N, C-alpha and C. Protein backbone atom coordinates (compact mmCIF):
# COMPACT_ATOMS: atom_id res chain seq x y z
N MET A 1 0.84 -1.16 0.06
CA MET A 1 -0.03 -0.04 -0.03
C MET A 1 0.84 1.33 0.06
N ASN A 2 0.75 2.06 -1.07
CA ASN A 2 1.62 3.25 -1.05
C ASN A 2 0.90 4.43 0.00
N ASN A 3 1.51 5.55 -0.05
CA ASN A 3 1.07 6.67 0.98
C ASN A 3 -0.39 7.15 0.51
N GLN A 4 -0.46 7.34 -0.83
CA GLN A 4 -1.84 7.68 -1.34
C GLN A 4 -2.97 6.80 -0.85
N GLN A 5 -2.65 5.50 -1.14
CA GLN A 5 -3.73 4.60 -0.92
C GLN A 5 -3.86 4.41 0.76
N PHE A 6 -2.82 4.69 1.56
CA PHE A 6 -3.02 4.67 2.89
C PHE A 6 -3.99 5.85 3.49
N ILE A 7 -3.54 6.93 2.93
CA ILE A 7 -4.19 8.27 3.35
C ILE A 7 -5.79 8.03 2.94
N SER A 8 -6.04 7.51 1.70
CA SER A 8 -7.41 7.20 1.29
C SER A 8 -8.07 6.21 2.23
N THR A 9 -7.55 5.07 2.56
CA THR A 9 -8.01 4.19 3.50
C THR A 9 -8.28 4.71 4.98
N LEU A 10 -7.41 5.56 5.32
CA LEU A 10 -7.54 6.31 6.54
C LEU A 10 -8.70 7.14 6.65
N LYS A 11 -8.94 7.77 5.57
CA LYS A 11 -9.95 8.84 5.41
C LYS A 11 -11.31 7.97 5.42
N ALA A 12 -11.30 6.97 4.57
CA ALA A 12 -12.63 6.09 4.68
C ALA A 12 -12.92 5.43 6.14
N TYR A 13 -11.81 4.99 6.75
CA TYR A 13 -12.06 4.47 8.00
C TYR A 13 -12.69 5.55 9.08
N ILE A 14 -11.94 6.78 9.02
CA ILE A 14 -12.29 7.84 9.88
C ILE A 14 -13.89 8.30 9.40
N GLY A 15 -14.15 8.20 8.27
CA GLY A 15 -15.63 8.46 7.84
C GLY A 15 -16.42 7.56 8.27
N ARG A 16 -16.02 6.21 8.34
CA ARG A 16 -17.10 5.21 8.83
C ARG A 16 -17.21 5.07 10.36
N HIS A 17 -16.04 5.07 11.01
CA HIS A 17 -16.06 4.89 12.53
C HIS A 17 -15.87 6.19 13.33
N GLY A 18 -15.30 7.08 12.76
CA GLY A 18 -15.10 8.54 13.61
C GLY A 18 -13.69 8.71 13.95
N ARG A 19 -13.40 10.04 14.26
CA ARG A 19 -12.08 10.31 14.70
C ARG A 19 -11.73 9.83 16.00
N ASP A 20 -12.82 9.68 16.86
CA ASP A 20 -12.42 9.21 18.16
C ASP A 20 -11.85 7.85 18.32
N ASP A 21 -12.34 7.08 17.43
CA ASP A 21 -11.92 5.60 17.49
C ASP A 21 -10.44 5.48 16.88
N VAL A 22 -10.09 6.31 16.12
CA VAL A 22 -8.61 6.21 15.63
C VAL A 22 -7.71 6.82 16.64
N LEU A 23 -8.24 7.96 17.40
CA LEU A 23 -7.57 8.38 18.52
C LEU A 23 -7.15 7.45 19.70
N ARG A 24 -8.33 6.73 20.01
CA ARG A 24 -8.22 5.81 20.97
C ARG A 24 -7.38 4.68 20.63
N MET A 25 -7.25 4.30 19.49
CA MET A 25 -6.20 3.20 18.89
C MET A 25 -4.83 3.66 19.10
N MET A 26 -4.71 4.97 18.82
CA MET A 26 -3.27 5.54 18.85
C MET A 26 -2.87 5.54 20.30
N GLU A 27 -3.70 5.94 21.30
CA GLU A 27 -3.57 6.07 22.65
C GLU A 27 -3.22 4.67 23.15
N VAL A 28 -3.85 3.78 22.77
CA VAL A 28 -3.77 2.34 23.17
C VAL A 28 -2.26 1.83 22.75
N LYS A 29 -2.04 1.86 21.58
CA LYS A 29 -0.80 1.32 20.98
C LYS A 29 0.37 2.00 21.27
N HIS A 30 0.22 3.45 21.17
CA HIS A 30 1.46 4.26 21.44
C HIS A 30 1.25 5.47 22.13
N PRO A 31 1.14 5.12 23.60
CA PRO A 31 0.79 6.30 24.41
C PRO A 31 2.05 7.14 24.41
N GLN A 32 1.51 8.52 24.55
CA GLN A 32 2.71 9.59 24.52
C GLN A 32 3.48 9.78 25.94
N SER A 33 2.72 9.35 26.94
CA SER A 33 3.28 9.64 28.28
C SER A 33 2.72 8.61 29.32
N SER A 34 3.49 8.44 30.52
CA SER A 34 2.83 7.39 31.32
C SER A 34 1.37 7.80 31.83
N ALA A 35 1.13 9.30 32.02
CA ALA A 35 -0.34 9.59 32.39
C ALA A 35 -1.33 9.20 31.36
N ASP A 36 -0.89 9.42 30.03
CA ASP A 36 -1.72 8.96 28.92
C ASP A 36 -1.96 7.35 28.84
N PHE A 37 -0.96 6.64 29.25
CA PHE A 37 -0.97 5.22 29.29
C PHE A 37 -1.92 4.81 30.34
N ILE A 38 -1.78 5.39 31.63
CA ILE A 38 -2.59 4.89 32.64
C ILE A 38 -3.98 5.42 32.26
N ARG A 39 -4.40 6.59 32.08
CA ARG A 39 -5.64 7.13 31.76
C ARG A 39 -6.46 6.13 30.85
N ARG A 40 -5.82 5.87 29.75
CA ARG A 40 -6.43 5.09 28.64
C ARG A 40 -6.60 3.67 29.07
N LEU A 41 -5.71 3.07 29.81
CA LEU A 41 -5.83 1.73 30.28
C LEU A 41 -6.95 1.55 31.39
N TYR A 42 -7.15 2.46 32.29
CA TYR A 42 -8.35 2.56 33.21
C TYR A 42 -9.53 2.65 32.45
N GLN A 43 -9.57 3.54 31.39
CA GLN A 43 -10.80 3.48 30.53
C GLN A 43 -11.23 2.25 30.09
N GLU A 44 -10.24 1.50 29.57
CA GLU A 44 -10.53 0.26 28.91
C GLU A 44 -10.94 -0.72 29.93
N LEU A 45 -10.24 -0.58 31.14
CA LEU A 45 -10.59 -1.77 32.22
C LEU A 45 -11.97 -1.52 32.75
N THR A 46 -12.39 -0.18 32.78
CA THR A 46 -13.69 0.20 33.22
C THR A 46 -14.76 -0.42 32.42
N ALA A 47 -14.60 -0.44 31.03
CA ALA A 47 -15.56 -0.95 30.13
C ALA A 47 -15.42 -2.64 30.42
N ILE A 48 -14.25 -3.09 30.44
CA ILE A 48 -14.15 -4.59 30.62
C ILE A 48 -14.92 -4.97 32.00
N VAL A 49 -14.58 -4.15 33.05
CA VAL A 49 -15.41 -4.54 34.24
C VAL A 49 -16.91 -4.52 34.18
N ARG A 50 -17.40 -3.53 33.30
CA ARG A 50 -18.84 -3.45 33.25
C ARG A 50 -19.44 -4.62 32.49
N ASP A 51 -18.66 -5.03 31.41
CA ASP A 51 -19.05 -6.17 30.75
C ASP A 51 -19.06 -7.29 31.66
N LEU A 52 -18.13 -7.54 32.41
CA LEU A 52 -18.07 -8.90 33.23
C LEU A 52 -19.33 -8.85 34.37
N GLU A 53 -19.50 -7.56 34.76
CA GLU A 53 -20.76 -7.52 35.58
C GLU A 53 -22.00 -7.69 34.94
N GLN A 54 -22.09 -7.35 33.75
CA GLN A 54 -23.30 -7.51 32.86
C GLN A 54 -23.69 -8.93 32.80
N TYR A 55 -22.55 -9.87 32.50
CA TYR A 55 -22.70 -11.37 32.35
C TYR A 55 -22.22 -12.09 33.76
N ALA A 56 -22.54 -11.48 34.89
CA ALA A 56 -21.93 -12.01 36.21
C ALA A 56 -22.58 -13.43 36.28
N ASP A 57 -23.85 -13.78 35.86
CA ASP A 57 -24.18 -15.14 36.00
C ASP A 57 -23.28 -16.20 35.33
N LYS A 58 -22.72 -15.79 34.26
CA LYS A 58 -21.68 -16.54 33.73
C LYS A 58 -20.43 -16.97 34.42
N HIS A 59 -20.19 -16.06 35.47
CA HIS A 59 -18.95 -16.22 36.12
C HIS A 59 -19.01 -16.93 37.41
N GLN A 60 -20.15 -17.29 37.88
CA GLN A 60 -20.39 -17.81 39.17
C GLN A 60 -19.57 -19.10 39.64
N GLU A 61 -19.20 -19.92 38.61
CA GLU A 61 -18.33 -21.07 39.00
C GLU A 61 -16.88 -20.82 38.59
N ASP A 62 -16.64 -19.78 38.00
CA ASP A 62 -15.31 -19.45 37.55
C ASP A 62 -14.22 -19.48 38.75
N LEU A 63 -13.06 -20.05 38.53
CA LEU A 63 -12.02 -19.85 39.50
C LEU A 63 -11.40 -18.60 39.15
N GLU A 64 -10.57 -17.98 40.30
CA GLU A 64 -9.99 -16.62 40.21
C GLU A 64 -9.37 -16.34 38.95
N ASP A 65 -8.44 -17.48 38.58
CA ASP A 65 -7.62 -17.22 37.36
C ASP A 65 -8.54 -17.13 36.00
N GLN A 66 -9.63 -17.90 36.02
CA GLN A 66 -10.31 -17.79 34.86
C GLN A 66 -11.04 -16.39 34.64
N ILE A 67 -11.33 -15.72 35.70
CA ILE A 67 -11.90 -14.42 35.67
C ILE A 67 -10.72 -13.52 35.08
N THR A 68 -9.68 -13.60 35.62
CA THR A 68 -8.39 -12.78 35.38
C THR A 68 -7.98 -13.00 33.96
N ILE A 69 -8.08 -14.17 33.49
CA ILE A 69 -7.59 -14.68 32.14
C ILE A 69 -8.57 -13.86 31.10
N ASP A 70 -9.90 -13.94 31.46
CA ASP A 70 -10.85 -13.17 30.68
C ASP A 70 -10.66 -11.82 30.54
N ILE A 71 -10.19 -11.13 31.53
CA ILE A 71 -9.88 -9.63 31.53
C ILE A 71 -8.56 -9.67 30.64
N VAL A 72 -7.59 -10.39 30.75
CA VAL A 72 -6.37 -10.33 30.01
C VAL A 72 -6.73 -10.60 28.42
N ARG A 73 -7.63 -11.34 28.20
CA ARG A 73 -7.92 -11.53 26.75
C ARG A 73 -8.55 -10.40 26.06
N GLN A 74 -9.60 -9.76 27.07
CA GLN A 74 -10.13 -8.54 26.56
C GLN A 74 -9.27 -7.38 26.42
N LEU A 75 -8.18 -7.31 27.28
CA LEU A 75 -7.37 -6.20 27.10
C LEU A 75 -6.40 -6.41 25.76
N ARG A 76 -6.20 -7.54 25.49
CA ARG A 76 -5.66 -7.97 24.21
C ARG A 76 -6.35 -7.56 23.02
N ARG A 77 -7.79 -7.75 23.07
CA ARG A 77 -8.56 -7.31 22.15
C ARG A 77 -8.77 -5.87 21.76
N SER A 78 -8.43 -5.21 22.96
CA SER A 78 -8.48 -3.76 22.94
C SER A 78 -7.10 -3.32 22.36
N GLY A 79 -6.17 -4.06 22.18
CA GLY A 79 -4.90 -3.71 21.52
C GLY A 79 -3.70 -3.62 22.31
N TYR A 80 -3.83 -4.13 23.63
CA TYR A 80 -2.77 -4.11 24.74
C TYR A 80 -1.93 -5.46 24.49
N ASN A 81 -0.68 -5.19 24.87
CA ASN A 81 0.30 -6.35 25.12
C ASN A 81 0.13 -6.73 26.44
N SER A 82 -0.96 -7.68 26.63
CA SER A 82 -1.37 -8.03 27.98
C SER A 82 -1.22 -9.47 28.01
N GLU A 83 -0.51 -9.96 29.23
CA GLU A 83 -0.10 -11.42 29.64
C GLU A 83 -0.47 -11.66 31.05
N HIS A 84 -0.89 -12.98 31.16
CA HIS A 84 -1.28 -13.66 32.44
C HIS A 84 -0.17 -14.49 32.99
N ASP A 85 0.03 -14.46 34.18
CA ASP A 85 1.11 -15.47 34.89
C ASP A 85 2.57 -15.15 34.39
N THR A 86 2.82 -13.77 33.93
CA THR A 86 4.18 -13.52 33.44
C THR A 86 5.14 -13.46 34.61
N TYR A 87 6.31 -13.97 34.54
CA TYR A 87 7.44 -13.89 35.33
C TYR A 87 7.92 -12.43 35.69
N THR A 88 7.72 -11.78 36.70
CA THR A 88 8.01 -10.63 37.13
C THR A 88 8.61 -10.75 38.65
N LYS A 89 9.66 -11.06 39.00
CA LYS A 89 10.03 -11.55 40.31
C LYS A 89 9.21 -12.54 40.82
N GLY A 90 8.54 -13.28 40.12
CA GLY A 90 7.27 -14.25 40.36
C GLY A 90 6.20 -14.07 39.52
N HIS A 91 5.18 -14.83 39.46
CA HIS A 91 4.29 -14.79 38.42
C HIS A 91 3.01 -13.98 38.70
N VAL A 92 3.14 -12.80 38.15
CA VAL A 92 1.97 -11.83 38.32
C VAL A 92 0.82 -12.06 37.35
N ASP A 93 -0.45 -11.84 38.15
CA ASP A 93 -1.68 -12.09 37.46
C ASP A 93 -1.71 -11.40 36.05
N ILE A 94 -1.61 -10.03 35.85
CA ILE A 94 -1.59 -9.40 34.81
C ILE A 94 -0.34 -8.42 34.63
N ARG A 95 0.05 -8.56 33.31
CA ARG A 95 1.23 -7.58 33.09
C ARG A 95 0.82 -6.88 31.61
N VAL A 96 0.67 -5.60 31.68
CA VAL A 96 0.46 -4.86 30.55
C VAL A 96 1.69 -4.19 30.20
N ARG A 97 2.33 -4.24 29.08
CA ARG A 97 3.41 -3.45 28.53
C ARG A 97 3.23 -2.92 27.28
N GLN A 98 3.35 -1.61 27.17
CA GLN A 98 2.99 -0.82 25.86
C GLN A 98 4.13 0.11 25.68
N ASP A 99 4.93 -0.28 24.64
CA ASP A 99 6.04 0.50 24.51
C ASP A 99 7.05 0.46 25.81
N SER A 100 7.41 1.54 26.54
CA SER A 100 8.25 1.53 27.54
C SER A 100 7.40 1.56 28.82
N PHE A 101 6.14 1.65 28.80
CA PHE A 101 5.14 1.69 29.93
C PHE A 101 4.69 0.32 30.42
N VAL A 102 4.62 0.12 31.59
CA VAL A 102 4.23 -1.21 32.45
C VAL A 102 3.20 -0.78 33.54
N TRP A 103 2.34 -1.66 33.54
CA TRP A 103 1.25 -1.88 34.66
C TRP A 103 0.94 -3.13 35.03
N LEU A 104 0.93 -3.38 36.29
CA LEU A 104 0.69 -4.72 37.07
C LEU A 104 -0.51 -4.81 37.56
N GLY A 105 -1.21 -6.04 37.65
CA GLY A 105 -2.45 -6.25 38.24
C GLY A 105 -2.63 -7.54 38.83
N GLU A 106 -3.28 -7.59 39.91
CA GLU A 106 -3.46 -8.78 40.65
C GLU A 106 -4.96 -8.89 40.97
N GLY A 107 -5.61 -10.19 40.66
CA GLY A 107 -7.10 -10.42 40.82
C GLY A 107 -7.36 -11.24 42.01
N LYS A 108 -8.21 -10.85 42.81
CA LYS A 108 -8.58 -11.85 43.98
C LYS A 108 -10.13 -11.81 44.22
N VAL A 109 -10.70 -12.95 44.43
CA VAL A 109 -12.15 -13.29 44.73
C VAL A 109 -12.13 -12.79 46.17
N HIS A 110 -12.93 -11.99 46.54
CA HIS A 110 -13.17 -11.58 47.95
C HIS A 110 -13.84 -12.59 48.68
N ASN A 111 -13.39 -13.27 49.66
CA ASN A 111 -13.87 -14.28 50.59
C ASN A 111 -13.54 -13.89 51.92
N ALA A 112 -12.39 -13.10 52.14
CA ALA A 112 -11.91 -12.57 53.41
C ALA A 112 -10.71 -11.59 53.13
N TYR A 113 -10.78 -10.41 54.02
CA TYR A 113 -9.89 -9.48 53.77
C TYR A 113 -8.46 -9.72 53.87
N ASP A 114 -8.11 -10.84 54.56
CA ASP A 114 -6.71 -11.28 54.64
C ASP A 114 -6.34 -11.77 53.24
N TRP A 115 -7.25 -12.21 52.43
CA TRP A 115 -6.92 -12.58 51.07
C TRP A 115 -6.53 -11.47 50.08
N LEU A 116 -7.17 -10.27 50.47
CA LEU A 116 -6.84 -8.99 49.71
C LEU A 116 -5.55 -8.67 50.11
N VAL A 117 -5.35 -8.68 51.44
CA VAL A 117 -3.95 -8.28 51.87
C VAL A 117 -2.91 -8.96 51.24
N LYS A 118 -3.07 -10.38 51.14
CA LYS A 118 -2.08 -11.12 50.55
C LYS A 118 -1.98 -10.75 49.16
N GLY A 119 -2.98 -10.38 48.31
CA GLY A 119 -2.81 -9.99 47.06
C GLY A 119 -2.09 -8.70 46.81
N LEU A 120 -2.33 -7.90 47.64
CA LEU A 120 -1.51 -6.39 47.78
C LEU A 120 -0.17 -6.46 47.98
N LYS A 121 0.14 -7.52 49.04
CA LYS A 121 1.55 -7.77 49.27
C LYS A 121 2.34 -8.45 48.13
N GLN A 122 1.66 -9.19 47.40
CA GLN A 122 2.23 -10.01 46.34
C GLN A 122 2.48 -8.87 45.26
N LEU A 123 1.58 -8.14 45.06
CA LEU A 123 1.70 -6.90 43.95
C LEU A 123 2.99 -6.09 44.33
N HIS A 124 2.96 -5.56 45.53
CA HIS A 124 3.91 -4.44 45.89
C HIS A 124 5.28 -4.99 46.42
N GLU A 125 5.26 -6.33 47.22
CA GLU A 125 6.41 -6.61 47.82
C GLU A 125 7.17 -7.76 47.08
N ARG A 126 6.46 -8.29 46.11
CA ARG A 126 7.01 -9.46 45.30
C ARG A 126 7.36 -9.11 43.89
N TYR A 127 6.26 -8.63 43.24
CA TYR A 127 6.25 -8.59 41.69
C TYR A 127 6.67 -7.12 41.37
N SER A 128 6.62 -5.97 42.06
CA SER A 128 6.77 -4.57 41.65
C SER A 128 8.30 -4.37 41.99
N THR A 129 8.92 -3.59 40.91
CA THR A 129 10.08 -2.94 41.20
C THR A 129 10.20 -1.52 41.76
N GLY A 130 9.03 -1.08 41.62
CA GLY A 130 8.68 0.34 41.99
C GLY A 130 8.86 1.31 40.81
N ARG A 131 9.32 0.92 39.60
CA ARG A 131 9.44 1.57 38.37
C ARG A 131 8.11 1.51 37.58
N GLU A 132 7.37 0.70 37.80
CA GLU A 132 6.09 0.50 37.03
C GLU A 132 5.25 1.80 36.83
N ASP A 133 4.54 2.04 36.03
CA ASP A 133 3.64 3.31 35.91
C ASP A 133 2.41 3.10 36.52
N GLY A 134 2.03 1.98 37.12
CA GLY A 134 0.93 1.89 37.89
C GLY A 134 0.53 0.47 38.17
N SER A 135 -0.30 0.10 39.00
CA SER A 135 -0.70 -1.17 39.44
C SER A 135 -2.17 -1.09 39.86
N GLY A 136 -2.74 -2.22 39.96
CA GLY A 136 -4.00 -2.56 40.35
C GLY A 136 -4.51 -3.74 40.99
N LEU A 137 -5.37 -3.62 41.93
CA LEU A 137 -6.00 -4.75 42.69
C LEU A 137 -7.39 -4.99 42.15
N LEU A 138 -7.62 -5.86 41.57
CA LEU A 138 -8.96 -6.21 41.02
C LEU A 138 -9.69 -7.09 42.01
N ILE A 139 -10.98 -6.75 42.53
CA ILE A 139 -11.44 -7.65 43.74
C ILE A 139 -12.81 -7.98 43.26
N TYR A 140 -12.91 -9.41 42.96
CA TYR A 140 -14.07 -10.07 42.38
C TYR A 140 -14.97 -10.27 43.64
N ILE A 141 -16.26 -9.67 43.45
CA ILE A 141 -16.98 -9.69 44.62
C ILE A 141 -18.36 -10.58 44.31
N ARG A 142 -18.59 -11.53 44.89
CA ARG A 142 -19.71 -12.31 44.35
C ARG A 142 -20.98 -12.17 45.46
N GLY A 143 -20.55 -11.80 46.44
CA GLY A 143 -21.68 -11.31 47.62
C GLY A 143 -22.39 -10.15 47.34
N GLN A 144 -23.35 -9.75 48.35
CA GLN A 144 -24.26 -8.70 48.15
C GLN A 144 -23.36 -7.45 48.61
N ASN A 145 -23.77 -6.21 48.27
CA ASN A 145 -23.31 -4.91 48.76
C ASN A 145 -21.68 -4.80 48.48
N ALA A 146 -21.47 -4.83 47.08
CA ALA A 146 -19.94 -4.67 46.92
C ALA A 146 -19.36 -3.26 47.29
N GLN A 147 -20.27 -2.18 47.44
CA GLN A 147 -19.91 -0.96 47.92
C GLN A 147 -19.26 -1.09 49.37
N ALA A 148 -20.03 -1.83 50.24
CA ALA A 148 -19.61 -2.01 51.62
C ALA A 148 -18.39 -2.83 51.69
N VAL A 149 -18.06 -3.67 50.94
CA VAL A 149 -16.86 -4.51 50.79
C VAL A 149 -15.64 -3.58 50.59
N ILE A 150 -15.85 -2.81 49.49
CA ILE A 150 -14.68 -1.74 49.08
C ILE A 150 -14.55 -0.77 50.17
N GLU A 151 -15.61 -0.20 50.83
CA GLU A 151 -15.41 0.70 51.93
C GLU A 151 -14.74 0.10 53.22
N GLU A 152 -15.21 -1.10 53.47
CA GLU A 152 -14.46 -1.75 54.50
C GLU A 152 -13.10 -2.14 54.23
N TRP A 153 -12.75 -2.47 53.11
CA TRP A 153 -11.31 -2.79 52.70
C TRP A 153 -10.51 -1.53 52.77
N ARG A 154 -11.09 -0.32 52.33
CA ARG A 154 -10.37 0.86 52.53
C ARG A 154 -9.96 1.27 53.88
N LYS A 155 -11.02 1.10 54.86
CA LYS A 155 -10.91 1.30 56.28
C LYS A 155 -9.69 0.65 56.75
N ARG A 156 -9.72 -0.84 56.41
CA ARG A 156 -8.75 -1.63 56.97
C ARG A 156 -7.30 -1.36 56.43
N LEU A 157 -7.30 -0.93 55.14
CA LEU A 157 -5.98 -0.65 54.66
C LEU A 157 -5.57 0.69 55.32
N MET A 158 -6.38 1.66 55.54
CA MET A 158 -5.81 2.88 56.39
C MET A 158 -5.34 2.63 57.70
N ALA A 159 -6.16 1.70 58.37
CA ALA A 159 -5.85 1.39 59.75
C ALA A 159 -4.61 0.68 60.05
N ASP A 160 -4.45 -0.27 59.07
CA ASP A 160 -3.08 -0.98 59.33
C ASP A 160 -1.91 -0.61 58.48
N LYS A 161 -2.17 0.29 57.46
CA LYS A 161 -1.21 0.81 56.35
C LYS A 161 -0.24 -0.25 55.85
N TYR A 162 -1.01 -1.30 55.20
CA TYR A 162 -0.27 -2.39 54.58
C TYR A 162 0.58 -2.00 53.46
N CYS A 163 1.61 -2.36 53.29
CA CYS A 163 2.54 -2.19 52.37
C CYS A 163 3.04 -0.74 52.26
N ARG A 164 3.37 -0.23 53.35
CA ARG A 164 3.83 1.13 53.56
C ARG A 164 2.96 2.18 52.79
N LEU A 165 1.77 2.02 53.27
CA LEU A 165 0.72 3.04 52.78
C LEU A 165 0.98 4.39 53.21
N LYS A 166 0.92 5.39 52.18
CA LYS A 166 0.95 6.87 52.48
C LYS A 166 -0.30 7.54 52.67
N VAL A 167 -1.23 7.18 51.47
CA VAL A 167 -2.51 7.95 51.69
C VAL A 167 -3.41 7.04 50.68
N THR A 168 -4.72 7.22 50.83
CA THR A 168 -5.82 6.76 50.01
C THR A 168 -6.34 8.02 49.31
N LYS A 169 -7.07 7.79 48.16
CA LYS A 169 -7.72 8.94 47.48
C LYS A 169 -9.01 8.34 46.78
N ASP A 170 -9.96 9.18 46.84
CA ASP A 170 -11.23 8.87 46.02
C ASP A 170 -10.90 8.65 44.56
N ALA A 171 -11.55 7.76 43.91
CA ALA A 171 -11.58 7.58 42.41
C ALA A 171 -12.31 8.59 41.70
N GLY A 172 -13.22 9.15 42.26
CA GLY A 172 -14.17 10.10 41.57
C GLY A 172 -15.67 9.67 41.34
N THR A 173 -16.48 10.56 41.23
CA THR A 173 -18.03 10.30 41.26
C THR A 173 -18.36 9.37 40.19
N ASN A 174 -17.77 9.46 39.09
CA ASN A 174 -18.08 8.44 37.99
C ASN A 174 -17.46 7.10 37.98
N ASP A 175 -16.66 7.00 39.05
CA ASP A 175 -15.89 5.78 39.01
C ASP A 175 -16.17 5.00 40.21
N LYS A 176 -17.38 4.25 40.16
CA LYS A 176 -17.98 3.42 41.20
C LYS A 176 -17.17 2.22 41.67
N LEU A 177 -17.16 2.01 43.02
CA LEU A 177 -16.54 0.70 43.64
C LEU A 177 -14.98 0.69 43.45
N SER A 178 -14.37 1.94 43.37
CA SER A 178 -12.94 2.12 43.19
C SER A 178 -12.37 3.07 44.21
N PHE A 179 -11.18 2.91 44.46
CA PHE A 179 -10.29 3.98 45.14
C PHE A 179 -8.89 3.85 44.81
N TRP A 180 -8.03 4.89 45.19
CA TRP A 180 -6.64 4.90 44.93
C TRP A 180 -5.93 4.77 46.15
N SER A 181 -4.60 4.19 46.05
CA SER A 181 -3.91 4.17 47.24
C SER A 181 -2.36 4.35 46.87
N VAL A 182 -1.65 5.18 47.59
CA VAL A 182 -0.22 5.46 47.29
C VAL A 182 0.72 4.99 48.31
N HIS A 183 1.72 4.00 47.98
CA HIS A 183 2.64 3.34 48.67
C HIS A 183 4.01 3.78 48.49
N LYS A 184 5.00 3.59 49.50
CA LYS A 184 6.26 3.70 49.31
C LYS A 184 6.93 2.38 49.21
N HIS A 185 7.59 2.02 48.04
CA HIS A 185 8.14 0.81 47.62
C HIS A 185 9.22 0.59 48.66
N LYS A 186 9.29 -0.63 49.13
CA LYS A 186 10.32 -0.99 50.10
C LYS A 186 11.57 -1.19 49.62
N GLY A 187 11.79 -1.60 48.35
CA GLY A 187 13.16 -1.73 47.77
C GLY A 187 13.72 -0.35 47.00
N SER A 188 12.98 0.31 46.39
CA SER A 188 13.37 1.34 45.58
C SER A 188 12.79 2.70 46.30
N VAL A 189 12.12 2.69 47.22
CA VAL A 189 11.62 3.69 47.83
C VAL A 189 10.89 4.80 47.12
N LEU A 190 10.47 4.48 45.84
CA LEU A 190 9.69 5.18 44.91
C LEU A 190 8.15 5.04 45.34
N ASP A 191 7.43 5.93 44.96
CA ASP A 191 5.97 5.95 45.18
C ASP A 191 5.34 4.91 44.14
N ILE A 192 4.32 4.04 44.90
CA ILE A 192 3.63 3.16 43.97
C ILE A 192 2.17 3.59 44.03
N GLU A 193 1.53 3.75 42.97
CA GLU A 193 0.21 4.27 42.88
C GLU A 193 -0.77 3.02 42.42
N THR A 194 -1.61 2.61 43.24
CA THR A 194 -2.51 1.40 43.08
C THR A 194 -4.09 1.74 42.94
N LYS A 195 -4.59 1.27 41.92
CA LYS A 195 -6.17 1.48 41.93
C LYS A 195 -6.75 0.08 42.35
N HIS A 196 -7.61 0.37 43.26
CA HIS A 196 -8.52 -0.79 43.94
C HIS A 196 -9.74 -0.89 43.21
N ILE A 197 -10.02 -1.92 42.50
CA ILE A 197 -11.20 -1.81 41.55
C ILE A 197 -12.16 -2.99 41.93
N GLY A 198 -13.35 -2.70 42.43
CA GLY A 198 -14.37 -3.87 42.82
C GLY A 198 -15.32 -4.35 41.52
N VAL A 199 -15.27 -5.67 41.30
CA VAL A 199 -16.10 -6.03 40.23
C VAL A 199 -17.27 -6.67 40.87
N ALA A 200 -18.31 -6.37 40.78
CA ALA A 200 -19.67 -6.73 41.39
C ALA A 200 -20.33 -7.88 40.74
N LEU A 201 -20.08 -9.09 41.19
CA LEU A 201 -20.52 -10.37 40.51
C LEU A 201 -21.58 -11.05 41.09
N PHE A 202 -22.34 -10.22 42.02
CA PHE A 202 -23.46 -10.89 42.77
C PHE A 202 -24.71 -11.27 41.74
N VAL A 203 -25.32 -12.37 41.93
CA VAL A 203 -26.40 -12.78 41.20
C VAL A 203 -27.53 -13.14 41.97
N HIS A 204 -28.63 -12.67 41.97
CA HIS A 204 -29.92 -12.90 42.94
C HIS A 204 -30.28 -14.40 42.61
N PRO A 205 -30.54 -15.19 43.45
CA PRO A 205 -30.85 -16.63 43.28
C PRO A 205 -32.35 -16.59 42.84
N ILE A 206 -32.66 -17.46 42.00
CA ILE A 206 -33.92 -17.62 41.41
C ILE A 206 -34.95 -18.35 42.55
């Protein structure tokens, strides 16, 4: 395809799908900064989480890894270099590497808060070097009142300051069942910013 053909094809694509779709793919494939990488990644993750929640009845018997692998696959379909169980000083649940930018994620089915503590410690104290652009703890909640679970988890995190916690922050009014935490990495002493994302998978029994 020569340059003229490429320009013609691009114009036709924009005419059919819109300019925003092209910009989205550019942001996914070649983010211009760490902030752009993280912003777009969380926009894509939000859409994936909503999709999981919409089909919660299909995930009732899934193991923790099965849900996480589904997220990895959807990230790949979005255009990310996303991998499951990649070796990063251990086998991290999700690693997204795009150009020079890296994000690490850990997925946990909520059955006890100690299990979430374990996931956070794995993420920060084992897998992370402190140089990553961001990290996330995905919390799969099959019980009722997901909001109460996230609020209680945040309270416990603040009380015990797991993983050298510095502060927690609200995720915003349009970002339900989520909050941010900032930690001091034990090895590098760099700040690690982590987003805690609740995934509401409750299904009312018939």
